C-alpha atoms as a PDB file:
ATOM      1  CA  MET A   1     110.212 103.520 104.879  1.00  0.00           C
ATOM      2  CA  ASP A   2     109.271 100.130 103.284  1.00  0.00           C
ATOM      3  CA  ILE A   3     106.733  97.661 104.665  1.00  0.00           C
ATOM      4  CA  ALA A   4     109.618  95.345 106.298  1.00  0.00           C
ATOM      5  CA  ALA A   5     110.790  98.454 108.251  1.00  0.00           C
ATOM      6  CA  ILE A   6     107.067  99.305 109.271  1.00  0.00           C
ATOM      7  CA  ASN A   7     106.407  95.915 110.681  1.00  0.00           C
ATOM      8  CA  ALA A   8     109.859  95.821 112.611  1.00  0.00           C
ATOM      9  CA  LEU A   9     108.837  99.150 114.010  1.00  0.00           C
ATOM     10  CA  ALA A  10     105.333  98.005 115.006  1.00  0.00           C
ATOM     11  CA  ARG A  11     106.800  95.037 116.668  1.00  0.00           C
ATOM     12  CA  ARG A  12     109.491  97.080 118.444  1.00  0.00           C
ATOM     13  CA  PHE A  13     106.845  99.474 119.795  1.00  0.00           C
ATOM     14  CA  THR A  14     104.945  96.407 121.261  1.00  0.00           C
ATOM     15  CA  GLY A  15     107.733  94.159 122.358  1.00  0.00           C
ATOM     16  CA  THR A  16     106.609  91.368 120.003  1.00  0.00           C
ATOM     17  CA  GLU A  17     107.853  89.057 117.463  1.00  0.00           C
ATOM     18  CA  VAL A  18     106.574  87.179 114.518  1.00  0.00           C
ATOM     19  CA  ASN A  19     105.053  84.622 116.796  1.00  0.00           C
ATOM     20  CA  SER A  20     103.218  86.844 119.093  1.00  0.00           C
ATOM     21  CA  TYR A  21     102.229  89.610 116.337  1.00  0.00           C
ATOM     22  CA  THR A  22     101.863  87.426 113.494  1.00  0.00           C
ATOM     23  CA  ALA A  23     102.238  88.506 109.918  1.00  0.00           C
ATOM     24  CA  ALA A  24      98.612  87.983 108.819  1.00  0.00           C
ATOM     25  CA  GLN A  25      97.441  90.334 111.957  1.00  0.00           C
ATOM     26  CA  LEU A  26      99.900  92.781 111.250  1.00  0.00           C
ATOM     27  CA  LEU A  27      99.025  93.057 107.731  1.00  0.00           C
ATOM     28  CA  VAL A  28      95.333  93.719 108.562  1.00  0.00           C
ATOM     29  CA  ASP A  29      96.410  96.407 111.232  1.00  0.00           C
ATOM     30  CA  VAL A  30      98.735  97.987 108.695  1.00  0.00           C
ATOM     31  CA  ASN A  31      96.324  98.149 105.885  1.00  0.00           C
ATOM     32  CA  ASN A  32      93.558  99.402 107.947  1.00  0.00           C
ATOM     33  CA  SER A  33      95.622 102.205 109.024  1.00  0.00           C
ATOM     34  CA  TYR A  34      96.643 102.676 105.287  1.00  0.00           C
ATOM     35  CA  GLU A  35      93.098 103.155 104.236  1.00  0.00           C
ATOM     36  CA  ARG A  36      92.161 105.301 106.961  1.00  0.00           C
ATOM     37  CA  ILE A  37      95.130 107.611 106.514  1.00  0.00           C
ATOM     38  CA  THR A  38      94.306 107.696 102.809  1.00  0.00           C
ATOM     39  CA  GLY A  39      90.553 108.704 103.490  1.00  0.00           C
ATOM     40  CA  LYS A  40      92.060 111.569 105.808  1.00  0.00           C
ATOM     41  CA  ILE A  41      94.252 112.629 103.095  1.00  0.00           C
ATOM     42  CA  LEU A  42      91.252 112.708 100.544  1.00  0.00           C
ATOM     43  CA  VAL A  43      89.007 114.772 103.005  1.00  0.00           C
ATOM     44  CA  GLU A  44      91.849 117.264 103.600  1.00  0.00           C
ATOM     45  CA  ASN A  45      92.499 117.476  99.901  1.00  0.00           C
ATOM     46  CA  ALA A  46      88.780 117.937  98.987  1.00  0.00           C
ATOM     47  CA  GLY A  47      88.439 120.931  96.574  1.00  0.00           C
ATOM     48  CA  GLY A  48      92.022 121.345  96.166  1.00  0.00           C
ATOM     49  CA  LYS A  49      93.690 121.927  92.793  1.00  0.00           C
ATOM     50  CA  TRP A  50      96.237 119.073  93.405  1.00  0.00           C
ATOM     51  CA  LYS A  51      94.425 116.036  93.514  1.00  0.00           C
ATOM     52  CA  TYR A  52      95.788 113.161  95.873  1.00  0.00           C
ATOM     53  CA  GLY A  53      96.518 109.689  94.770  1.00  0.00           C
ATOM     54  CA  ASP A  54      98.497 106.868  96.112  1.00  0.00           C
ATOM     55  CA  ALA A  55     102.081 106.856  94.487  1.00  0.00           C
ATOM     56  CA  ASN A  56     102.049 103.049  94.197  1.00  0.00           C
ATOM     57  CA  TYR A  57      99.385 103.068  91.330  1.00  0.00           C
ATOM     58  CA  THR A  58     100.860 103.307  87.824  1.00  0.00           C
ATOM     59  CA  ALA A  59      97.718 104.583  86.002  1.00  0.00           C
ATOM     60  CA  PHE A  60      95.303 107.490  86.602  1.00  0.00           C
ATOM     61  CA  PRO A  61      92.072 106.665  88.098  1.00  0.00           C
ATOM     62  CA  THR A  62      89.751 106.303  85.080  1.00  0.00           C
ATOM     63  CA  TYR A  63      87.178 103.727  84.084  1.00  0.00           C
ATOM     64  CA  THR A  64      86.349 103.501  80.518  1.00  0.00           C
ATOM     65  CA  PHE A  65      83.569 101.051  80.075  1.00  0.00           C
ATOM     66  CA  ASN A  66      80.712  99.938  77.850  1.00  0.00           C
ATOM     67  CA  LEU A  67      77.312 101.741  77.701  1.00  0.00           C
ATOM     68  CA  THR A  68      74.178  99.654  77.071  1.00  0.00           C
ATOM     69  CA  ASN A  69      71.298 100.782  74.798  1.00  0.00           C
ATOM     70  CA  GLY A  70      68.373 102.242  76.976  1.00  0.00           C
ATOM     71  CA  THR A  71      70.091 101.644  80.345  1.00  0.00           C
ATOM     72  CA  ALA A  72      70.425 104.926  82.459  1.00  0.00           C
ATOM     73  CA  ALA A  73      71.551 103.433  85.842  1.00  0.00           C
ATOM     74  CA  TYR A  74      75.022 102.055  86.248  1.00  0.00           C
ATOM     75  CA  ASP A  75      76.548 100.323  89.461  1.00  0.00           C
ATOM     76  CA  ILE A  76      79.777 101.987  90.373  1.00  0.00           C
ATOM     77  CA  ASN A  77      80.855  98.759  92.607  1.00  0.00           C
ATOM     78  CA  ALA A  78      79.986  96.626  89.451  1.00  0.00           C
ATOM     79  CA  LEU A  79      82.652  98.332  87.458  1.00  0.00           C
ATOM     80  CA  LEU A  80      85.376  97.207  89.550  1.00  0.00           C
ATOM     81  CA  GLY A  81      87.967  95.008  87.576  1.00  0.00           C
ATOM     82  CA  THR A  82      86.121  95.822  84.335  1.00  0.00           C
ATOM     83  CA  GLY A  83      86.718  98.373  81.153  1.00  0.00           C
ATOM     84  CA  THR A  84      90.010  99.592  80.377  1.00  0.00           C
ATOM     85  CA  TYR A  85      91.321 100.128  84.094  1.00  0.00           C
ATOM     86  CA  PRO A  86      90.859  97.094  85.919  1.00  0.00           C
ATOM     87  CA  ASP A  87      91.247  97.923  89.562  1.00  0.00           C
ATOM     88  CA  SER A  88      89.989  96.019  92.665  1.00  0.00           C
ATOM     89  CA  HIS A  89      89.932  99.427  94.729  1.00  0.00           C
ATOM     90  CA  GLU A  90      86.572 101.133  94.858  1.00  0.00           C
ATOM     91  CA  PRO A  91      86.189 104.992  93.777  1.00  0.00           C
ATOM     92  CA  LEU A  92      85.739 107.004  96.809  1.00  0.00           C
ATOM     93  CA  LEU A  93      85.186 110.397  95.203  1.00  0.00           C
ATOM     94  CA  ILE A  94      83.916 111.195  91.656  1.00  0.00           C
ATOM     95  CA  LEU A  95      85.721 113.846  89.841  1.00  0.00           C
ATOM     96  CA  GLY A  96      83.837 114.027  86.649  1.00  0.00           C
ATOM     97  CA  ILE A  97      82.076 111.879  83.808  1.00  0.00           C
ATOM     98  CA  GLU A  98      82.304 112.035  80.133  1.00  0.00           C
ATOM     99  CA  VAL A  99      80.541 110.235  77.365  1.00  0.00           C
ATOM    100  CA  ALA A 100      81.599 109.667  73.863  1.00  0.00           C
ATOM    101  CA  ASP A 101      79.357 110.785  70.736  1.00  0.00           C
ATOM    102  CA  GLN A 102      78.803 108.598  67.836  1.00  0.00           C
ATOM    103  CA  ASN A 103      82.132 109.821  66.489  1.00  0.00           C
ATOM    104  CA  GLY A 104      84.121 108.826  69.516  1.00  0.00           C
ATOM    105  CA  ILE A 105      84.510 112.186  70.866  1.00  0.00           C
ATOM    106  CA  TYR A 106      83.993 112.698  74.640  1.00  0.00           C
ATOM    107  CA  HIS A 107      81.725 115.256  76.151  1.00  0.00           C
ATOM    108  CA  LEU A 108      81.710 116.353  79.848  1.00  0.00           C
ATOM    109  CA  LEU A 109      78.484 115.795  81.727  1.00  0.00           C
ATOM    110  CA  ASP A 110      76.830 117.896  84.129  1.00  0.00           C
ATOM    111  CA  PRO A 111      76.070 116.650  87.572  1.00  0.00           C
ATOM    112  CA  ILE A 112      72.385 116.805  88.664  1.00  0.00           C
ATOM    113  CA  THR A 113      70.415 115.584  91.591  1.00  0.00           C
ATOM    114  CA  LEU A 114      67.133 114.069  91.955  1.00  0.00           C
ATOM    115  CA  GLU A 115      65.896 117.095  93.781  1.00  0.00           C
ATOM    116  CA  ASP A 116      67.021 119.423  90.797  1.00  0.00           C
ATOM    117  CA  ILE A 117      64.889 117.185  88.706  1.00  0.00           C
ATOM    118  CA  HIS A 118      61.828 117.532  90.884  1.00  0.00           C
ATOM    119  CA  LYS A 119      62.189 121.375  91.390  1.00  0.00           C
ATOM    120  CA  GLN A 120      61.850 121.441  87.564  1.00  0.00           C
ATOM    121  CA  GLY A 121      58.376 119.793  87.708  1.00  0.00           C
ATOM    122  CA  PHE A 122      59.422 116.415  86.448  1.00  0.00           C
ATOM    123  CA  SER A 123      59.305 112.895  87.823  1.00  0.00           C
ATOM    124  CA  GLN A 124      62.534 110.946  87.159  1.00  0.00           C
ATOM    125  CA  SER A 125      60.997 108.819  84.631  1.00  0.00           C
ATOM    126  CA  GLN A 126      59.822 111.800  82.796  1.00  0.00           C
ATOM    127  CA  TYR A 127      63.116 113.894  82.711  1.00  0.00           C
ATOM    128  CA  LEU A 128      64.916 113.563  79.479  1.00  0.00           C
ATOM    129  CA  SER A 129      63.162 110.328  78.787  1.00  0.00           C
ATOM    130  CA  THR A 130      64.004 109.864  75.075  1.00  0.00           C
ATOM    131  CA  ASN A 131      67.176 107.925  74.595  1.00  0.00           C
ATOM    132  CA  GLY A 132      70.200 109.850  73.124  1.00  0.00           C
ATOM    133  CA  ARG A 133      73.460 111.255  74.098  1.00  0.00           C
ATOM    134  CA  PRO A 134      73.559 111.828  78.030  1.00  0.00           C
ATOM    135  CA  ILE A 135      74.253 115.292  79.031  1.00  0.00           C
ATOM    136  CA  GLU A 136      73.858 115.173  82.935  1.00  0.00           C
ATOM    137  CA  TYR A 137      74.278 112.488  85.446  1.00  0.00           C
ATOM    138  CA  GLU A 138      73.262 111.700  88.958  1.00  0.00           C
ATOM    139  CA  LYS A 139      75.154 110.114  91.871  1.00  0.00           C
ATOM    140  CA  ARG A 140      72.827 108.239  94.071  1.00  0.00           C
ATOM    141  CA  GLU A 141      74.121 105.837  96.572  1.00  0.00           C
ATOM    142  CA  HIS A 142      76.164 103.266  94.546  1.00  0.00           C
ATOM    143  CA  MET A 143      74.711 104.226  91.204  1.00  0.00           C
ATOM    144  CA  LEU A 144      75.328 106.607  88.306  1.00  0.00           C
ATOM    145  CA  VAL A 145      72.259 107.679  86.441  1.00  0.00           C
ATOM    146  CA  LEU A 146      72.630 109.014  82.939  1.00  0.00           C
ATOM    147  CA  TYR A 147      69.992 111.476  81.643  1.00  0.00           C
ATOM    148  CA  PRO A 148      68.958 110.800  78.974  1.00  0.00           C
ATOM    149  CA  ALA A 149      69.841 106.950  78.637  1.00  0.00           C
ATOM    150  CA  PRO A 150      72.041 106.325  75.685  1.00  0.00           C
ATOM    151  CA  ASP A 151      70.540 105.209  72.498  1.00  0.00           C
ATOM    152  CA  ASN A 152      71.721 102.334  70.451  1.00  0.00           C
ATOM    153  CA  GLY A 153      74.841 103.948  68.934  1.00  0.00           C
ATOM    154  CA  VAL A 154      73.037 106.760  66.983  1.00  0.00           C
ATOM    155  CA  SER A 155      74.080 109.550  69.185  1.00  0.00           C
ATOM    156  CA  VAL A 156      76.628 107.637  71.306  1.00  0.00           C
ATOM    157  CA  THR A 157      79.509 105.113  71.295  1.00  0.00           C
ATOM    158  CA  LEU A 158      78.352 102.146  73.176  1.00  0.00           C
ATOM    159  CA  THR A 159      81.796 100.463  73.287  1.00  0.00           C
ATOM    160  CA  ASN A 160      84.091 102.265  75.731  1.00  0.00           C
ATOM    161  CA  GLY A 161      81.521 105.133  75.682  1.00  0.00           C
ATOM    162  CA  LEU A 162      81.689 106.228  79.307  1.00  0.00           C
ATOM    163  CA  ARG A 163      84.565 107.805  81.138  1.00  0.00           C
ATOM    164  CA  VAL A 164      84.413 107.982  84.971  1.00  0.00           C
ATOM    165  CA  PHE A 165      87.184 110.006  86.680  1.00  0.00           C
ATOM    166  CA  PHE A 166      87.678 109.319  90.305  1.00  0.00           C
ATOM    167  CA  LEU A 167      89.793 109.337  93.442  1.00  0.00           C
ATOM    168  CA  ARG A 168      90.440 105.859  95.211  1.00  0.00           C
ATOM    169  CA  THR A 169      91.645 104.270  98.375  1.00  0.00           C
ATOM    170  CA  ALA A 170      95.144 103.020  99.271  1.00  0.00           C
ATOM    171  CA  ASP A 171      96.873 100.417  97.265  1.00  0.00           C
ATOM    172  CA  ARG A 172      96.833  98.167 100.183  1.00  0.00           C
ATOM    173  CA  PHE A 173      99.841  95.772 100.882  1.00  0.00           C
ATOM    174  CA  THR A 174      99.490  92.084  99.965  1.00  0.00           C
ATOM    175  CA  SER A 175     100.936  89.217 101.854  1.00  0.00           C
ATOM    176  CA  ALA A 176     103.390  88.601  98.835  1.00  0.00           C
ATOM    177  CA  GLU A 177     104.561  92.133  99.137  1.00  0.00           C
ATOM    178  CA  VAL A 178     105.106  91.898 103.024  1.00  0.00           C
ATOM    179  CA  THR A 179     107.320  88.807 102.233  1.00  0.00           C
ATOM    180  CA  THR A 180     109.272  90.705  99.458  1.00  0.00           C
ATOM    181  CA  GLY A 181     109.293  93.731 102.007  1.00  0.00           C
ATOM    182  CA  THR A 182     110.357  96.527  99.575  1.00  0.00           C
ATOM    183  CA  LYS A 183     106.988  98.318  98.910  1.00  0.00           C
ATOM    184  CA  GLU A 184     106.496 101.610 100.545  1.00  0.00           C
ATOM    185  CA  PRO A 185     103.275 103.544 101.365  1.00  0.00           C
ATOM    186  CA  GLY A 186     102.031 105.824  98.603  1.00  0.00           C
ATOM    187  CA  PHE A 187     101.817 108.920 100.801  1.00  0.00           C
ATOM    188  CA  PRO A 188     104.715 111.332 101.448  1.00  0.00           C
ATOM    189  CA  SER A 189     107.625 109.468 102.911  1.00  0.00           C
ATOM    190  CA  PRO A 190     108.231 111.693 106.054  1.00  0.00           C
ATOM    191  CA  TRP A 191     105.056 110.068 107.665  1.00  0.00           C
ATOM    192  CA  HIS A 192     105.285 106.455 106.404  1.00  0.00           C
ATOM    193  CA  ASP A 193     106.281 105.430 110.248  1.00  0.00           C
ATOM    194  CA  ILE A 194     102.803 106.403 111.150  1.00  0.00           C
ATOM    195  CA  LEU A 195     101.320 103.185 109.941  1.00  0.00           C
ATOM    196  CA  ALA A 196     103.696 101.284 112.379  1.00  0.00           C
ATOM    197  CA  TRP A 197     102.602 103.744 115.277  1.00  0.00           C
ATOM    198  CA  GLU A 198      98.907 102.999 114.395  1.00  0.00           C
ATOM    199  CA  ALA A 199      99.289  99.231 114.031  1.00  0.00           C
ATOM    200  CA  ALA A 200     101.128  99.226 117.195  1.00  0.00           C
ATOM    201  CA  HIS A 201      98.286 101.144 119.065  1.00  0.00           C
ATOM    202  CA  THR A 202      95.731  98.797 117.920  1.00  0.00           C
ATOM    203  CA  PHE A 203      97.684  95.946 119.303  1.00  0.00           C
ATOM    204  CA  ALA A 204      98.262  97.837 122.516  1.00  0.00           C
ATOM    205  CA  VAL A 205      94.506  98.245 122.777  1.00  0.00           C
ATOM    206  CA  ALA A 206      93.767  94.758 122.158  1.00  0.00           C
ATOM    207  CA  LYS A 207      96.279  93.498 124.612  1.00  0.00           C
ATOM    208  CA  GLY A 208      96.118  96.257 127.197  1.00  0.00           C
ATOM    209  CA  LEU A 209      99.722  97.327 126.973  1.00  0.00           C
ATOM    210  CA  SER A 210     100.928 100.016 129.089  1.00  0.00           C
ATOM    211  CA  ASN A 211     102.145 102.361 126.449  1.00  0.00           C
ATOM    212  CA  VAL A 212      98.707 102.680 124.722  1.00  0.00           C
ATOM    213  CA  ASN A 213      98.349 106.214 125.504  1.00  0.00           C
ATOM    214  CA  LEU A 214     102.066 107.082 124.223  1.00  0.00           C
ATOM    215  CA  LEU A 215     101.187 105.305 120.940  1.00  0.00           C
ATOM    216  CA  GLU A 216      97.950 107.250 120.455  1.00  0.00           C
ATOM    217  CA  ALA A 217      99.720 110.589 121.027  1.00  0.00           C
ATOM    218  CA  GLY A 218     102.356 109.424 118.368  1.00  0.00           C
ATOM    219  CA  VAL A 219      99.720 108.556 115.760  1.00  0.00           C
ATOM    220  CA  ASN A 220      97.841 111.939 116.301  1.00  0.00           C
ATOM    221  CA  LYS A 221     101.177 113.985 116.103  1.00  0.00           C
ATOM    222  CA  ARG A 222     102.033 112.356 112.805  1.00  0.00           C
ATOM    223  CA  GLU A 223      98.601 112.469 111.406  1.00  0.00           C
ATOM    224  CA  LYS A 224      98.521 116.277 112.129  1.00  0.00           C
ATOM    225  CA  GLY A 225     101.958 116.834 110.486  1.00  0.00           C
ATOM    226  CA  LEU A 226     100.910 114.811 107.308  1.00  0.00           C
ATOM    227  CA  LEU A 227      97.581 116.703 107.091  1.00  0.00           C
ATOM    228  CA  ASP A 228      99.172 120.099 107.528  1.00  0.00           C
ATOM    229  CA  PHE A 229     101.620 119.268 104.766  1.00  0.00           C
ATOM    230  CA  ILE A 230      98.740 118.042 102.371  1.00  0.00           C
ATOM    231  CA  ALA A 231      96.914 121.202 103.045  1.00  0.00           C
ATOM    232  CA  LYS A 232      99.876 123.494 102.002  1.00  0.00           C
ATOM    233  CA  ARG A 233     101.710 121.291  99.481  1.00  0.00           C
ATOM    234  CA  ASN A 234     100.294 123.286  96.425  1.00  0.00           C
ATOM    235  CA  GLN A 235     102.864 126.081  96.959  1.00  0.00           C
ATOM    236  CA  ASP A 236     103.110 127.062  93.195  1.00  0.00           C
ATOM    237  CA  ASP A 237      99.347 128.307  93.261  1.00  0.00           C
ATOM    238  CA  ARG A 238      99.648 131.895  93.603  1.00  0.00           C
ATOM    239  CA  PRO A 239      96.569 133.941  94.926  1.00  0.00           C
ATOM    240  CA  ILE A 240      95.469 136.741  92.315  1.00  0.00           C
ATOM    241  CA  MET A 241      94.069 139.808  93.710  1.00  0.00           C
ATOM    242  CA  THR A 242      91.026 140.950  91.722  1.00  0.00           C
ATOM    243  CA  ASN A 243      88.851 144.159  92.143  1.00  0.00           C
ATOM    244  CA  LYS A 244      85.776 143.796  94.213  1.00  0.00           C
ATOM    245  CA  PRO A 245      82.586 144.984  92.324  1.00  0.00           C
ATOM    246  CA  ILE A 246      80.619 147.791  93.730  1.00  0.00           C
ATOM    247  CA  VAL A 247      76.929 147.424  93.829  1.00  0.00           C
ATOM    248  CA  PHE A 248      74.879 150.555  93.737  1.00  0.00           C
ATOM    249  CA  THR A 249      71.555 150.329  95.334  1.00  0.00           C
END
């Protein structure tokens, strides 16, 4: 279902037209629903082997960006629109991080927490304090902290030296795409109409329409169906039986 059909359905549910449910307001409501549904899918898919991504994107969600000599902390949000994967959609989940050595060969970094560092008896400033090739990284708020900080190109490649693999939010609709009317949501097509149901529900709540409960039930039914599908879509992954070890005490 494309965005033109989604908008038409939302207006039919609410008994409105382009003047009473404007294109601008409908775009806001549809995109809010789109992002919420994408977030729900990512939560349902967390830990799964088949990672979810919006089908409208044309490249894998990977940032490759420059390192700075002696700088350990990097603002994730500052990376938006930079590096070899410019994108205006923030990373929601980090899947892994790699750093390039002096020969341009990438190495996987191990995640660590500030609590892990303290349990080892170090302060943050003491832990792996000599610049070199990072081997661990910490996620804290909107920052990535590398341990140790990269050196000046001796052990690492500074240019395009760090790769961040992540999962992102929805590829939101733009007003130009609404005008064209052909773009579809990036999640499985049997549930595209949930965006119309949820946008209509938002409008119905704001205007006190009598069908608000019916629309809410429709949203919940479709959301459950979509998430059930996402949870079961990895059908080619077969469980393997293994012997349970016997512990003698």
